[in-house]
N, C-alpha and C. Protein backbone atom coordinates (compact mmCIF):
# COMPACT_ATOMS: atom_id res chain seq x y z
N UNK A 1 13.97 13.58 1.13
CA UNK A 1 12.90 14.16 0.37
C UNK A 1 12.02 13.08 -0.26
N UNK A 2 12.64 12.02 -0.74
CA UNK A 2 11.90 10.92 -1.37
C UNK A 2 10.99 10.24 -0.35
N UNK A 3 11.49 10.02 0.85
CA UNK A 3 10.66 9.38 1.87
C UNK A 3 9.51 10.28 2.28
N UNK A 4 9.71 11.58 2.28
CA UNK A 4 8.62 12.50 2.59
C UNK A 4 7.52 12.40 1.54
N UNK A 5 7.91 12.26 0.28
CA UNK A 5 6.92 12.09 -0.79
C UNK A 5 6.13 10.79 -0.60
N UNK A 6 6.84 9.72 -0.21
CA UNK A 6 6.15 8.45 0.04
C UNK A 6 5.18 8.58 1.22
N UNK A 7 5.57 9.33 2.24
CA UNK A 7 4.68 9.51 3.39
C UNK A 7 3.43 10.29 2.98
N UNK A 8 3.61 11.30 2.14
CA UNK A 8 2.44 12.07 1.67
C UNK A 8 1.54 11.18 0.83
N UNK A 9 2.13 10.35 -0.03
CA UNK A 9 1.33 9.43 -0.84
C UNK A 9 0.76 8.28 -0.01
N UNK A 10 1.26 8.11 1.20
CA UNK A 10 0.72 7.08 2.08
C UNK A 10 -0.71 7.37 2.49
N UNK A 11 -1.06 8.64 2.57
CA UNK A 11 -2.42 9.02 2.98
C UNK A 11 -3.46 8.55 1.97
N UNK A 12 -3.30 8.84 0.66
CA UNK A 12 -4.29 8.30 -0.28
C UNK A 12 -4.23 6.78 -0.39
N UNK A 13 -3.06 6.19 -0.14
CA UNK A 13 -2.99 4.72 -0.15
C UNK A 13 -3.85 4.13 0.95
N UNK A 14 -3.84 4.76 2.12
CA UNK A 14 -4.67 4.29 3.22
C UNK A 14 -6.15 4.44 2.85
N UNK A 15 -6.51 5.59 2.29
CA UNK A 15 -7.91 5.84 1.93
C UNK A 15 -8.37 4.85 0.86
N UNK A 16 -7.57 4.69 -0.20
CA UNK A 16 -7.93 3.77 -1.28
C UNK A 16 -7.95 2.33 -0.77
N UNK A 17 -7.03 2.01 0.14
CA UNK A 17 -7.01 0.67 0.73
C UNK A 17 -8.28 0.36 1.49
N UNK A 18 -8.76 1.33 2.27
CA UNK A 18 -10.01 1.14 3.02
C UNK A 18 -11.18 0.97 2.06
N UNK A 19 -11.18 1.73 0.97
CA UNK A 19 -12.25 1.58 -0.04
C UNK A 19 -12.20 0.18 -0.64
N UNK A 20 -11.00 -0.32 -0.95
CA UNK A 20 -10.88 -1.66 -1.53
C UNK A 20 -11.31 -2.75 -0.55
N UNK A 21 -11.03 -2.55 0.72
CA UNK A 21 -11.45 -3.54 1.73
C UNK A 21 -12.97 -3.63 1.75
N UNK A 22 -13.64 -2.50 1.64
CA UNK A 22 -15.10 -2.50 1.67
C UNK A 22 -15.70 -2.96 0.34
N UNK A 23 -14.94 -2.82 -0.75
CA UNK A 23 -15.41 -3.21 -2.08
C UNK A 23 -14.95 -4.65 -2.33
N UNK A 24 -15.77 -5.59 -1.98
CA UNK A 24 -15.39 -7.00 -1.97
C UNK A 24 -15.09 -7.57 -3.37
N UNK A 25 -15.55 -6.91 -4.43
CA UNK A 25 -15.40 -7.48 -5.76
C UNK A 25 -13.95 -7.55 -6.22
N UNK A 26 -13.17 -6.53 -5.93
CA UNK A 26 -11.77 -6.55 -6.37
C UNK A 26 -10.95 -7.42 -5.43
N UNK A 27 -10.66 -6.95 -4.24
CA UNK A 27 -9.94 -7.78 -3.29
C UNK A 27 -9.71 -7.03 -1.98
N UNK A 28 -10.26 -7.55 -0.91
CA UNK A 28 -9.96 -6.95 0.39
C UNK A 28 -8.47 -7.08 0.75
N UNK A 29 -7.83 -8.15 0.28
CA UNK A 29 -6.40 -8.33 0.56
C UNK A 29 -5.59 -7.18 -0.03
N UNK A 30 -5.90 -6.78 -1.26
CA UNK A 30 -5.20 -5.66 -1.87
C UNK A 30 -5.43 -4.39 -1.08
N UNK A 31 -6.63 -4.22 -0.56
CA UNK A 31 -6.93 -3.05 0.27
C UNK A 31 -6.11 -3.02 1.54
N UNK A 32 -6.02 -4.16 2.20
CA UNK A 32 -5.21 -4.23 3.42
C UNK A 32 -3.75 -3.96 3.12
N UNK A 33 -3.25 -4.52 2.02
CA UNK A 33 -1.85 -4.30 1.65
C UNK A 33 -1.59 -2.82 1.36
N UNK A 34 -2.52 -2.16 0.68
CA UNK A 34 -2.35 -0.72 0.41
C UNK A 34 -2.41 0.10 1.69
N UNK A 35 -3.31 -0.24 2.59
CA UNK A 35 -3.42 0.51 3.84
C UNK A 35 -2.15 0.35 4.69
N UNK A 36 -1.66 -0.87 4.77
CA UNK A 36 -0.42 -1.11 5.54
C UNK A 36 0.76 -0.45 4.84
N UNK A 37 0.74 -0.40 3.52
CA UNK A 37 1.77 0.31 2.76
C UNK A 37 1.81 1.77 3.18
N UNK A 38 0.65 2.40 3.23
CA UNK A 38 0.59 3.81 3.62
C UNK A 38 1.12 4.03 5.02
N UNK A 39 0.72 3.17 5.93
CA UNK A 39 1.21 3.30 7.31
C UNK A 39 2.72 3.09 7.39
N UNK A 40 3.22 2.12 6.64
CA UNK A 40 4.66 1.84 6.65
C UNK A 40 5.46 3.03 6.13
N UNK A 41 4.96 3.65 5.08
CA UNK A 41 5.67 4.82 4.53
C UNK A 41 5.69 5.98 5.52
N UNK A 42 4.60 6.17 6.22
CA UNK A 42 4.54 7.23 7.23
C UNK A 42 5.50 6.92 8.38
N UNK A 43 5.53 5.66 8.81
CA UNK A 43 6.48 5.25 9.86
C UNK A 43 7.91 5.42 9.37
N UNK A 44 8.15 5.15 8.09
CA UNK A 44 9.49 5.30 7.53
C UNK A 44 9.99 6.73 7.59
N UNK A 45 9.15 7.69 7.27
CA UNK A 45 9.59 9.09 7.32
C UNK A 45 9.76 9.55 8.77
N UNK A 46 8.95 9.03 9.66
CA UNK A 46 9.14 9.33 11.09
C UNK A 46 10.48 8.78 11.56
N UNK A 47 10.80 7.56 11.12
CA UNK A 47 12.08 6.96 11.48
C UNK A 47 13.26 7.74 10.94
N UNK A 48 13.13 8.25 9.73
CA UNK A 48 14.20 9.06 9.17
C UNK A 48 14.38 10.36 9.96
N UNK A 49 13.27 10.98 10.30
CA UNK A 49 13.33 12.23 11.08
C UNK A 49 13.89 11.99 12.47
N UNK A 50 13.58 10.82 13.05
CA UNK A 50 14.05 10.50 14.40
C UNK A 50 15.42 9.82 14.38
N UNK A 51 16.00 9.66 13.20
CA UNK A 51 17.30 9.01 13.02
C UNK A 51 17.29 7.57 13.56
N UNK A 52 16.18 6.89 13.30
CA UNK A 52 16.04 5.49 13.72
C UNK A 52 16.07 4.60 12.47
N UNK A 53 17.12 3.82 12.34
CA UNK A 53 17.24 2.95 11.16
C UNK A 53 16.16 1.88 11.13
N UNK A 54 15.73 1.44 12.30
CA UNK A 54 14.69 0.40 12.35
C UNK A 54 13.37 0.93 11.80
N UNK A 55 12.97 2.11 12.23
CA UNK A 55 11.72 2.69 11.73
C UNK A 55 11.84 3.15 10.29
N UNK A 56 13.02 3.58 9.87
CA UNK A 56 13.22 4.05 8.50
C UNK A 56 13.03 2.93 7.49
N UNK A 57 13.14 1.69 7.91
CA UNK A 57 12.91 0.55 7.02
C UNK A 57 11.45 0.51 6.58
N UNK A 58 10.59 1.23 7.25
CA UNK A 58 9.18 1.27 6.88
C UNK A 58 8.95 1.70 5.45
N UNK A 59 9.78 2.58 4.94
CA UNK A 59 9.64 3.01 3.54
C UNK A 59 9.93 1.88 2.58
N UNK A 60 10.95 1.10 2.87
CA UNK A 60 11.29 -0.04 2.02
C UNK A 60 10.18 -1.10 2.10
N UNK A 61 9.71 -1.36 3.31
CA UNK A 61 8.61 -2.32 3.48
C UNK A 61 7.36 -1.83 2.77
N UNK A 62 7.11 -0.53 2.83
CA UNK A 62 5.95 0.04 2.15
C UNK A 62 6.02 -0.15 0.65
N UNK A 63 7.21 -0.01 0.08
CA UNK A 63 7.38 -0.23 -1.35
C UNK A 63 7.07 -1.66 -1.74
N UNK A 64 7.54 -2.61 -0.93
CA UNK A 64 7.27 -4.02 -1.21
C UNK A 64 5.77 -4.32 -1.08
N UNK A 65 5.15 -3.78 -0.06
CA UNK A 65 3.71 -3.99 0.13
C UNK A 65 2.91 -3.40 -1.03
N UNK A 66 3.36 -2.26 -1.54
CA UNK A 66 2.68 -1.64 -2.67
C UNK A 66 2.76 -2.54 -3.90
N UNK A 67 3.94 -3.11 -4.15
CA UNK A 67 4.09 -4.00 -5.30
C UNK A 67 3.22 -5.24 -5.16
N UNK A 68 3.14 -5.80 -3.96
CA UNK A 68 2.29 -6.96 -3.73
C UNK A 68 0.82 -6.61 -3.96
N UNK A 69 0.41 -5.43 -3.50
CA UNK A 69 -0.98 -5.04 -3.70
C UNK A 69 -1.29 -4.84 -5.18
N UNK A 70 -0.35 -4.29 -5.93
CA UNK A 70 -0.56 -4.14 -7.37
C UNK A 70 -0.69 -5.50 -8.05
N UNK A 71 0.11 -6.46 -7.61
CA UNK A 71 0.02 -7.80 -8.19
C UNK A 71 -1.35 -8.41 -7.92
N UNK A 72 -1.85 -8.26 -6.70
CA UNK A 72 -3.17 -8.80 -6.35
C UNK A 72 -4.26 -8.12 -7.17
N UNK A 73 -4.18 -6.81 -7.31
CA UNK A 73 -5.17 -6.09 -8.10
C UNK A 73 -5.11 -6.52 -9.56
N UNK A 74 -3.91 -6.67 -10.10
CA UNK A 74 -3.76 -7.07 -11.50
C UNK A 74 -4.37 -8.44 -11.76
N UNK A 75 -4.16 -9.36 -10.83
CA UNK A 75 -4.73 -10.70 -10.98
C UNK A 75 -6.25 -10.65 -10.91
N UNK A 76 -6.78 -9.84 -10.02
CA UNK A 76 -8.23 -9.77 -9.84
C UNK A 76 -8.95 -9.08 -11.00
N UNK A 77 -8.33 -8.10 -11.64
CA UNK A 77 -9.02 -7.39 -12.70
C UNK A 77 -8.59 -7.83 -14.09
N UNK A 78 -7.81 -8.91 -14.17
CA UNK A 78 -7.35 -9.40 -15.48
C UNK A 78 -8.56 -9.72 -16.35
N UNK A 79 -8.55 -9.27 -17.61
CA UNK A 79 -9.74 -9.43 -18.47
C UNK A 79 -10.11 -10.89 -18.75
N UNK A 80 -9.18 -11.80 -18.71
CA UNK A 80 -9.48 -13.20 -18.99
C UNK A 80 -10.11 -13.92 -17.81
N UNK A 81 -10.18 -13.26 -16.70
CA UNK A 81 -10.69 -13.87 -15.48
C UNK A 81 -12.14 -13.50 -15.28
N UNK A 82 -12.93 -14.44 -14.84
CA UNK A 82 -14.34 -14.21 -14.51
C UNK A 82 -15.11 -13.62 -15.70
N UNK A 83 -15.08 -14.29 -16.81
CA UNK A 83 -15.74 -13.82 -18.02
C UNK A 83 -17.26 -13.74 -17.86
N UNK A 84 -17.82 -14.51 -16.93
CA UNK A 84 -19.27 -14.56 -16.80
C UNK A 84 -19.85 -13.34 -16.07
N UNK A 85 -19.04 -12.49 -15.49
CA UNK A 85 -19.55 -11.33 -14.73
C UNK A 85 -19.95 -10.22 -15.60
């Protein structure tokens, strides 16, 4: 059930990731990480349904990618950074 929720949340992650890639001010890297996170979560639930342990790892990889993308976003929007903008 948890992996199904991650797969459903993978869809907005892909959409928001694509928006971030096009929005150069924050970080295209964070956008790519979010988009790949969404895809990984969807692959993870497919792997669980297909009883494939290799594909099911996609959910774990998606979680790691999500954390990395949050770190990139946090660094880019930190208030002490780029004071002249």
